[in-house]
Amino acid sequence: MKQSMSTVIFILIAAGIIFLALFHKPVKHTETDLQKWFSSRLEQIEKNLEADIDKDKKGEYPHDGIQSFEKRGMITYVLPDKNHSRFDISDKNALARQDIVETAGYRKLQKKVQQLDLQIHLEEHQVDGDGVESFIAVDEYISDFPRYYTVTISGW
């Protein structure tokens, strides 16, 4: 009985490993997918822009960085992933700043900014290192230097 139980567990583990090896594919975002994603994020910024500006003028906008509500006359939006955290893109991905500027969402946001007589600036940021605190933290070192994008609206 004990021998057959060990055999069943071994077979299940082997089947799981084989399943993962054959059917698990890591998520690789294409440039087109990322453009669509960032375009939708920029459209959300455009929809909320006037309300965010009013909050900043009243000292009620929660700015990133040091936790403060001080009036700044500008808002920097970090383009987020679906969990609302910073969307880090691999340096292996060919998406460039110009690809985001060419999206419908960016053009819509830019038009709104021009109507309000403000300035807009899209910036790419490099993450220092690969985000791993120590080489002991992972089994193998992978050279991947992520980057992310921010949009700053200013001028009020």
C-alpha atoms as a PDB file:
ATOM      1  CA  MET A   1       0.000   0.000   0.000  1.00  0.00           C
ATOM      2  CA  LYS A   2       2.786   2.393   0.971  1.00  0.00           C
ATOM      3  CA  GLN A   3       4.701   1.520  -2.225  1.00  0.00           C
ATOM      4  CA  SER A   4       1.672   2.183  -4.464  1.00  0.00           C
ATOM      5  CA  MET A   5       0.972   5.522  -2.724  1.00  0.00           C
ATOM      6  CA  SER A   6       4.554   6.657  -3.412  1.00  0.00           C
ATOM      7  CA  THR A   7       4.196   5.594  -7.039  1.00  0.00           C
ATOM      8  CA  VAL A   8       0.926   7.533  -7.435  1.00  0.00           C
ATOM      9  CA  ILE A   9       2.471  10.679  -5.916  1.00  0.00           C
ATOM     10  CA  PHE A  10       5.505  10.353  -8.177  1.00  0.00           C
ATOM     11  CA  ILE A  11       3.297   9.950 -11.256  1.00  0.00           C
ATOM     12  CA  LEU A  12       1.217  13.009 -10.296  1.00  0.00           C
ATOM     13  CA  ILE A  13       4.320  15.139  -9.789  1.00  0.00           C
ATOM     14  CA  ALA A  14       5.818  13.965 -13.090  1.00  0.00           C
ATOM     15  CA  ALA A  15       2.521  14.634 -14.901  1.00  0.00           C
ATOM     16  CA  GLY A  16       2.390  18.144 -13.409  1.00  0.00           C
ATOM     17  CA  ILE A  17       5.926  18.928 -14.530  1.00  0.00           C
ATOM     18  CA  ILE A  18       5.237  17.592 -18.028  1.00  0.00           C
ATOM     19  CA  PHE A  19       2.009  19.609 -18.221  1.00  0.00           C
ATOM     20  CA  LEU A  20       3.835  22.800 -17.234  1.00  0.00           C
ATOM     21  CA  ALA A  21       6.648  22.142 -19.678  1.00  0.00           C
ATOM     22  CA  LEU A  22       4.289  21.552 -22.600  1.00  0.00           C
ATOM     23  CA  PHE A  23       1.459  23.991 -21.996  1.00  0.00           C
ATOM     24  CA  HIS A  24       2.715  26.847 -19.833  1.00  0.00           C
ATOM     25  CA  LYS A  25       3.807  29.820 -21.876  1.00  0.00           C
ATOM     26  CA  PRO A  26       5.053  32.972 -20.164  1.00  0.00           C
ATOM     27  CA  VAL A  27       3.107  36.129 -20.922  1.00  0.00           C
ATOM     28  CA  LYS A  28       4.929  38.111 -23.556  1.00  0.00           C
ATOM     29  CA  HIS A  29       3.276  41.414 -24.274  1.00  0.00           C
ATOM     30  CA  THR A  30       3.399  42.466 -27.899  1.00  0.00           C
ATOM     31  CA  GLU A  31       3.921  46.090 -28.833  1.00  0.00           C
ATOM     32  CA  THR A  32       0.360  46.233 -30.200  1.00  0.00           C
ATOM     33  CA  ASP A  33      -1.103  44.900 -26.954  1.00  0.00           C
ATOM     34  CA  LEU A  34       0.897  47.414 -24.933  1.00  0.00           C
ATOM     35  CA  GLN A  35      -0.154  50.282 -27.185  1.00  0.00           C
ATOM     36  CA  LYS A  36      -3.819  49.364 -26.707  1.00  0.00           C
ATOM     37  CA  TRP A  37      -3.326  49.036 -22.944  1.00  0.00           C
ATOM     38  CA  PHE A  38      -1.570  52.384 -22.549  1.00  0.00           C
ATOM     39  CA  SER A  39      -4.080  54.052 -24.864  1.00  0.00           C
ATOM     40  CA  SER A  40      -6.930  52.943 -22.572  1.00  0.00           C
ATOM     41  CA  ARG A  41      -5.004  54.149 -19.472  1.00  0.00           C
ATOM     42  CA  LEU A  42      -4.431  57.541 -21.121  1.00  0.00           C
ATOM     43  CA  GLU A  43      -8.135  57.807 -21.953  1.00  0.00           C
ATOM     44  CA  GLN A  44      -8.941  57.259 -18.266  1.00  0.00           C
ATOM     45  CA  ILE A  45      -6.531  60.044 -17.342  1.00  0.00           C
ATOM     46  CA  GLU A  46      -8.240  62.301 -19.896  1.00  0.00           C
ATOM     47  CA  LYS A  47     -11.669  61.566 -18.390  1.00  0.00           C
ATOM     48  CA  ASN A  48     -10.505  62.367 -14.839  1.00  0.00           C
ATOM     49  CA  LEU A  49      -8.118  65.216 -15.653  1.00  0.00           C
ATOM     50  CA  GLU A  50     -10.337  68.193 -14.814  1.00  0.00           C
ATOM     51  CA  ALA A  51     -11.463  66.632 -11.522  1.00  0.00           C
ATOM     52  CA  ASP A  52      -7.836  65.849 -10.627  1.00  0.00           C
ATOM     53  CA  ILE A  53      -6.804  69.440 -11.401  1.00  0.00           C
ATOM     54  CA  ASP A  54      -9.604  70.778  -9.184  1.00  0.00           C
ATOM     55  CA  LYS A  55      -8.459  68.472  -6.371  1.00  0.00           C
ATOM     56  CA  ASP A  56      -4.869  69.694  -6.766  1.00  0.00           C
ATOM     57  CA  LYS A  57      -5.984  73.326  -6.663  1.00  0.00           C
ATOM     58  CA  LYS A  58      -7.854  72.619  -3.420  1.00  0.00           C
ATOM     59  CA  GLY A  59      -4.912  70.692  -1.955  1.00  0.00           C
ATOM     60  CA  GLU A  60      -6.832  67.416  -2.030  1.00  0.00           C
ATOM     61  CA  TYR A  61      -4.942  65.454  -4.704  1.00  0.00           C
ATOM     62  CA  PRO A  62      -2.811  62.562  -3.329  1.00  0.00           C
ATOM     63  CA  HIS A  63       0.503  63.007  -5.173  1.00  0.00           C
ATOM     64  CA  ASP A  64       2.964  60.137  -5.583  1.00  0.00           C
ATOM     65  CA  GLY A  65       6.404  60.203  -4.050  1.00  0.00           C
ATOM     66  CA  ILE A  66       6.339  61.742  -0.608  1.00  0.00           C
ATOM     67  CA  GLN A  67       2.838  61.256   0.680  1.00  0.00           C
ATOM     68  CA  SER A  68       1.382  64.728   0.467  1.00  0.00           C
ATOM     69  CA  PHE A  69      -1.630  66.700  -0.619  1.00  0.00           C
ATOM     70  CA  GLU A  70       0.226  69.968  -1.251  1.00  0.00           C
ATOM     71  CA  LYS A  71      -0.726  72.034  -4.290  1.00  0.00           C
ATOM     72  CA  ARG A  72       1.837  71.526  -7.044  1.00  0.00           C
ATOM     73  CA  GLY A  73       0.334  72.914 -10.233  1.00  0.00           C
ATOM     74  CA  MET A  74       1.187  69.619 -11.895  1.00  0.00           C
ATOM     75  CA  ILE A  75       0.247  65.967 -11.710  1.00  0.00           C
ATOM     76  CA  THR A  76       2.461  63.065 -12.712  1.00  0.00           C
ATOM     77  CA  TYR A  77       0.561  59.927 -13.619  1.00  0.00           C
ATOM     78  CA  VAL A  78       2.424  56.599 -13.663  1.00  0.00           C
ATOM     79  CA  LEU A  79       0.943  54.411 -16.387  1.00  0.00           C
ATOM     80  CA  PRO A  80      -0.364  51.414 -14.409  1.00  0.00           C
ATOM     81  CA  ASP A  81      -0.917  47.722 -14.954  1.00  0.00           C
ATOM     82  CA  LYS A  82      -4.258  46.057 -14.194  1.00  0.00           C
ATOM     83  CA  ASN A  83      -3.416  45.946 -10.478  1.00  0.00           C
ATOM     84  CA  HIS A  84      -2.876  49.731 -10.429  1.00  0.00           C
ATOM     85  CA  SER A  85       0.834  49.415  -9.792  1.00  0.00           C
ATOM     86  CA  ARG A  86       3.574  50.664 -12.087  1.00  0.00           C
ATOM     87  CA  PHE A  87       3.599  48.787 -15.408  1.00  0.00           C
ATOM     88  CA  ASP A  88       7.206  47.689 -15.852  1.00  0.00           C
ATOM     89  CA  ILE A  89       8.141  46.741 -19.403  1.00  0.00           C
ATOM     90  CA  SER A  90      11.133  44.589 -20.230  1.00  0.00           C
ATOM     91  CA  ASP A  91      14.009  46.250 -22.018  1.00  0.00           C
ATOM     92  CA  LYS A  92      13.702  43.347 -24.462  1.00  0.00           C
ATOM     93  CA  ASN A  93      10.345  44.715 -25.638  1.00  0.00           C
ATOM     94  CA  ALA A  94      10.562  47.075 -28.625  1.00  0.00           C
ATOM     95  CA  LEU A  95       7.824  49.457 -27.414  1.00  0.00           C
ATOM     96  CA  ALA A  96       9.115  53.032 -27.529  1.00  0.00           C
ATOM     97  CA  ARG A  97       7.869  56.401 -26.298  1.00  0.00           C
ATOM     98  CA  GLN A  98       6.812  57.352 -29.839  1.00  0.00           C
ATOM     99  CA  ASP A  99       4.581  54.261 -30.038  1.00  0.00           C
ATOM    100  CA  ILE A 100       2.613  55.540 -27.046  1.00  0.00           C
ATOM    101  CA  VAL A 101       2.448  59.091 -28.437  1.00  0.00           C
ATOM    102  CA  GLU A 102       0.839  57.709 -31.593  1.00  0.00           C
ATOM    103  CA  THR A 103      -2.059  56.038 -29.731  1.00  0.00           C
ATOM    104  CA  ALA A 104      -5.616  57.350 -29.851  1.00  0.00           C
ATOM    105  CA  GLY A 105      -5.633  57.700 -26.053  1.00  0.00           C
ATOM    106  CA  TYR A 106      -2.571  59.970 -26.054  1.00  0.00           C
ATOM    107  CA  ARG A 107      -3.977  62.137 -28.874  1.00  0.00           C
ATOM    108  CA  LYS A 108      -7.258  62.468 -26.961  1.00  0.00           C
ATOM    109  CA  LEU A 109      -5.416  63.453 -23.776  1.00  0.00           C
ATOM    110  CA  GLN A 110      -3.193  65.865 -25.683  1.00  0.00           C
ATOM    111  CA  LYS A 111      -6.256  67.542 -27.233  1.00  0.00           C
ATOM    112  CA  LYS A 112      -7.834  67.966 -23.773  1.00  0.00           C
ATOM    113  CA  VAL A 113      -4.561  69.418 -22.410  1.00  0.00           C
ATOM    114  CA  GLN A 114      -4.415  71.903 -25.295  1.00  0.00           C
ATOM    115  CA  GLN A 115      -8.047  72.939 -24.687  1.00  0.00           C
ATOM    116  CA  LEU A 116      -7.182  73.645 -21.044  1.00  0.00           C
ATOM    117  CA  ASP A 117      -4.013  75.543 -22.131  1.00  0.00           C
ATOM    118  CA  LEU A 118      -1.720  73.193 -20.198  1.00  0.00           C
ATOM    119  CA  GLN A 119       1.452  71.240 -20.957  1.00  0.00           C
ATOM    120  CA  ILE A 120       1.895  67.493 -21.339  1.00  0.00           C
ATOM    121  CA  HIS A 121       5.084  65.463 -21.110  1.00  0.00           C
ATOM    122  CA  LEU A 122       5.431  61.692 -21.603  1.00  0.00           C
ATOM    123  CA  GLU A 123       8.626  60.272 -20.135  1.00  0.00           C
ATOM    124  CA  GLU A 124      10.284  56.862 -20.088  1.00  0.00           C
ATOM    125  CA  HIS A 125      12.072  55.894 -16.873  1.00  0.00           C
ATOM    126  CA  GLN A 126      14.684  53.183 -16.492  1.00  0.00           C
ATOM    127  CA  VAL A 127      14.546  51.075 -13.344  1.00  0.00           C
ATOM    128  CA  ASP A 128      17.970  50.834 -11.717  1.00  0.00           C
ATOM    129  CA  GLY A 129      19.042  47.211 -11.849  1.00  0.00           C
ATOM    130  CA  ASP A 130      16.575  44.412 -12.410  1.00  0.00           C
ATOM    131  CA  GLY A 131      14.604  44.894  -9.210  1.00  0.00           C
ATOM    132  CA  VAL A 132      16.358  42.029  -7.408  1.00  0.00           C
ATOM    133  CA  GLU A 133      17.805  43.131  -4.081  1.00  0.00           C
ATOM    134  CA  SER A 134      20.416  40.388  -3.956  1.00  0.00           C
ATOM    135  CA  PHE A 135      21.800  37.741  -6.254  1.00  0.00           C
ATOM    136  CA  ILE A 136      20.823  35.218  -3.595  1.00  0.00           C
ATOM    137  CA  ALA A 137      17.134  36.091  -4.072  1.00  0.00           C
ATOM    138  CA  VAL A 138      16.863  34.189  -7.359  1.00  0.00           C
ATOM    139  CA  ASP A 139      18.270  30.912  -8.617  1.00  0.00           C
ATOM    140  CA  GLU A 140      19.734  32.461 -11.697  1.00  0.00           C
ATOM    141  CA  TYR A 141      20.567  36.014 -12.701  1.00  0.00           C
ATOM    142  CA  ILE A 142      18.613  37.268 -15.678  1.00  0.00           C
ATOM    143  CA  SER A 143      19.717  40.485 -17.304  1.00  0.00           C
ATOM    144  CA  ASP A 144      16.446  42.385 -17.676  1.00  0.00           C
ATOM    145  CA  PHE A 145      16.268  46.079 -16.955  1.00  0.00           C
ATOM    146  CA  PRO A 146      12.624  47.155 -16.816  1.00  0.00           C
ATOM    147  CA  ARG A 147      11.348  50.573 -17.713  1.00  0.00           C
ATOM    148  CA  TYR A 148       8.069  52.390 -17.173  1.00  0.00           C
ATOM    149  CA  TYR A 149       6.267  55.490 -18.420  1.00  0.00           C
ATOM    150  CA  THR A 150       4.842  58.586 -16.744  1.00  0.00           C
ATOM    151  CA  VAL A 151       2.700  61.415 -18.085  1.00  0.00           C
ATOM    152  CA  THR A 152       3.014  64.827 -16.455  1.00  0.00           C
ATOM    153  CA  ILE A 153       0.330  67.458 -16.927  1.00  0.00           C
ATOM    154  CA  SER A 154       1.212  70.939 -15.681  1.00  0.00           C
ATOM    155  CA  GLY A 155       0.544  74.637 -16.026  1.00  0.00           C
ATOM    156  CA  TRP A 156      -2.326  75.685 -13.731  1.00  0.00           C
END
